[in-house]
Amino acid sequence: MTRVLYVGLDVSLEMTSICVVDAEGGMILETKAVSDPADIGEVLAGIDGTFERVGFEAGPLSQWLYNGLTSAGLPAVCIEARHAKAAMVARAQARRCE
């Protein structure tokens, strides 16, 4: 059975922090790479699993990263920080109701 993976990228102009978790929230990888779609893609290519989402916050490199990651076949999404916070709060509230 293939692992379902989720990736969070914390992008700066020079380096990008990469965090990969599985569907249960278990940590798979935490590392850094040069802020270039090819370098980030190379790191992710070395991980066994299926990427459900590769998310990163909107910023100066967003369009370039999005185009490069999606061209490499990765399911990239650019997230506006306020929307991400609202989604996390809603999910936490939903979990309390379960």
Protein backbone atom coordinates (compact mmCIF):
# COMPACT_ATOMS: atom_id res chain seq x y z
CA MET A 1 0.00 0.00 0.00
CA THR A 2 1.36 3.41 -0.99
CA ARG A 3 1.78 6.05 1.71
CA VAL A 4 -0.16 9.26 1.22
CA LEU A 5 2.10 12.22 1.94
CA TYR A 6 1.66 15.92 2.56
CA VAL A 7 4.41 18.50 2.17
CA GLY A 8 4.76 21.94 3.70
CA LEU A 9 7.35 24.34 2.32
CA ASP A 10 8.60 27.37 4.23
CA VAL A 11 10.15 29.38 1.42
CA SER A 12 12.74 32.12 1.71
CA LEU A 13 14.77 33.65 -1.10
CA GLU A 14 17.77 31.35 -0.60
CA MET A 15 16.62 28.22 1.26
CA THR A 16 13.34 26.36 1.69
CA SER A 17 12.47 24.28 4.74
CA ILE A 18 10.68 21.07 3.75
CA CYS A 19 8.40 19.11 6.06
CA VAL A 20 6.82 15.85 4.88
CA VAL A 21 4.14 14.06 6.93
CA ASP A 22 1.98 11.01 6.27
CA ALA A 23 -1.83 10.94 6.38
CA GLU A 24 -1.78 10.27 10.13
CA GLY A 25 0.48 13.26 10.78
CA GLY A 26 3.60 11.21 11.35
CA MET A 27 6.84 12.97 10.49
CA ILE A 28 8.55 11.48 7.42
CA LEU A 29 11.20 14.10 6.66
CA GLU A 30 12.32 17.52 7.84
CA THR A 31 15.11 19.11 5.82
CA LYS A 32 16.15 22.14 3.76
CA ALA A 33 16.91 22.68 0.08
CA VAL A 34 17.87 25.56 -2.17
CA SER A 35 14.76 27.58 -3.09
CA ASP A 36 14.55 26.17 -6.59
CA PRO A 37 11.78 23.89 -7.90
CA ALA A 38 14.33 21.42 -9.28
CA ASP A 39 16.15 21.12 -5.95
CA ILE A 40 12.92 20.76 -3.98
CA GLY A 41 11.63 18.21 -6.49
CA GLU A 42 14.85 16.22 -6.16
CA VAL A 43 14.42 15.98 -2.39
CA LEU A 44 10.80 14.87 -2.76
CA ALA A 45 11.62 12.34 -5.48
CA GLY A 46 13.69 10.43 -2.94
CA ILE A 47 10.66 9.75 -0.72
CA ASP A 48 8.53 6.66 -1.23
CA GLY A 49 4.84 7.54 -1.35
CA THR A 50 2.16 9.49 -3.18
CA PHE A 51 2.04 13.23 -2.64
CA GLU A 52 -1.48 14.44 -1.98
CA ARG A 53 -0.51 18.09 -1.60
CA VAL A 54 2.62 20.29 -1.61
CA GLY A 55 1.69 23.56 0.05
CA PHE A 56 3.54 26.82 0.49
CA GLU A 57 2.68 30.36 1.48
CA ALA A 58 2.22 33.11 -1.10
CA GLY A 59 5.36 35.18 -1.59
CA PRO A 60 7.85 36.55 -4.13
CA LEU A 61 8.79 33.10 -5.50
CA SER A 62 5.25 31.65 -5.51
CA GLN A 63 4.49 31.72 -9.23
CA TRP A 64 7.91 30.35 -10.20
CA LEU A 65 7.76 27.59 -7.57
CA TYR A 66 4.18 26.69 -8.46
CA ASN A 67 4.96 26.40 -12.17
CA GLY A 68 8.13 24.41 -11.55
CA LEU A 69 6.59 21.99 -9.04
CA THR A 70 3.44 21.35 -11.05
CA SER A 71 5.51 20.86 -14.21
CA ALA A 72 7.39 18.16 -12.27
CA GLY A 73 4.06 16.44 -11.57
CA LEU A 74 3.72 17.55 -7.95
CA PRO A 75 0.31 18.68 -6.64
CA ALA A 76 1.44 22.16 -5.55
CA VAL A 77 -0.86 24.70 -3.94
CA CYS A 78 -0.05 28.26 -2.99
CA ILE A 79 -1.74 29.23 0.26
CA GLU A 80 -2.54 32.73 1.49
CA ALA A 81 -1.58 32.80 5.19
CA ARG A 82 -4.91 34.13 6.51
CA HIS A 83 -6.83 31.42 4.64
CA ALA A 84 -4.51 28.73 5.98
CA LYS A 85 -5.04 29.90 9.56
CA ALA A 86 -8.83 29.92 9.11
CA ALA A 87 -8.74 26.38 7.69
CA MET A 88 -6.62 25.09 10.59
CA VAL A 89 -8.93 26.67 13.16
CA ALA A 90 -11.99 25.15 11.44
CA ARG A 91 -10.35 21.70 11.36
CA ALA A 92 -9.42 21.90 15.05
CA GLN A 93 -13.00 22.85 15.93
CA ALA A 94 -14.37 19.98 13.84
CA ARG A 95 -12.10 17.49 15.62
CA ARG A 96 -13.39 18.66 19.01
CA CYS A 97 -16.92 17.88 17.82
CA GLU A 98 -16.09 14.29 16.81
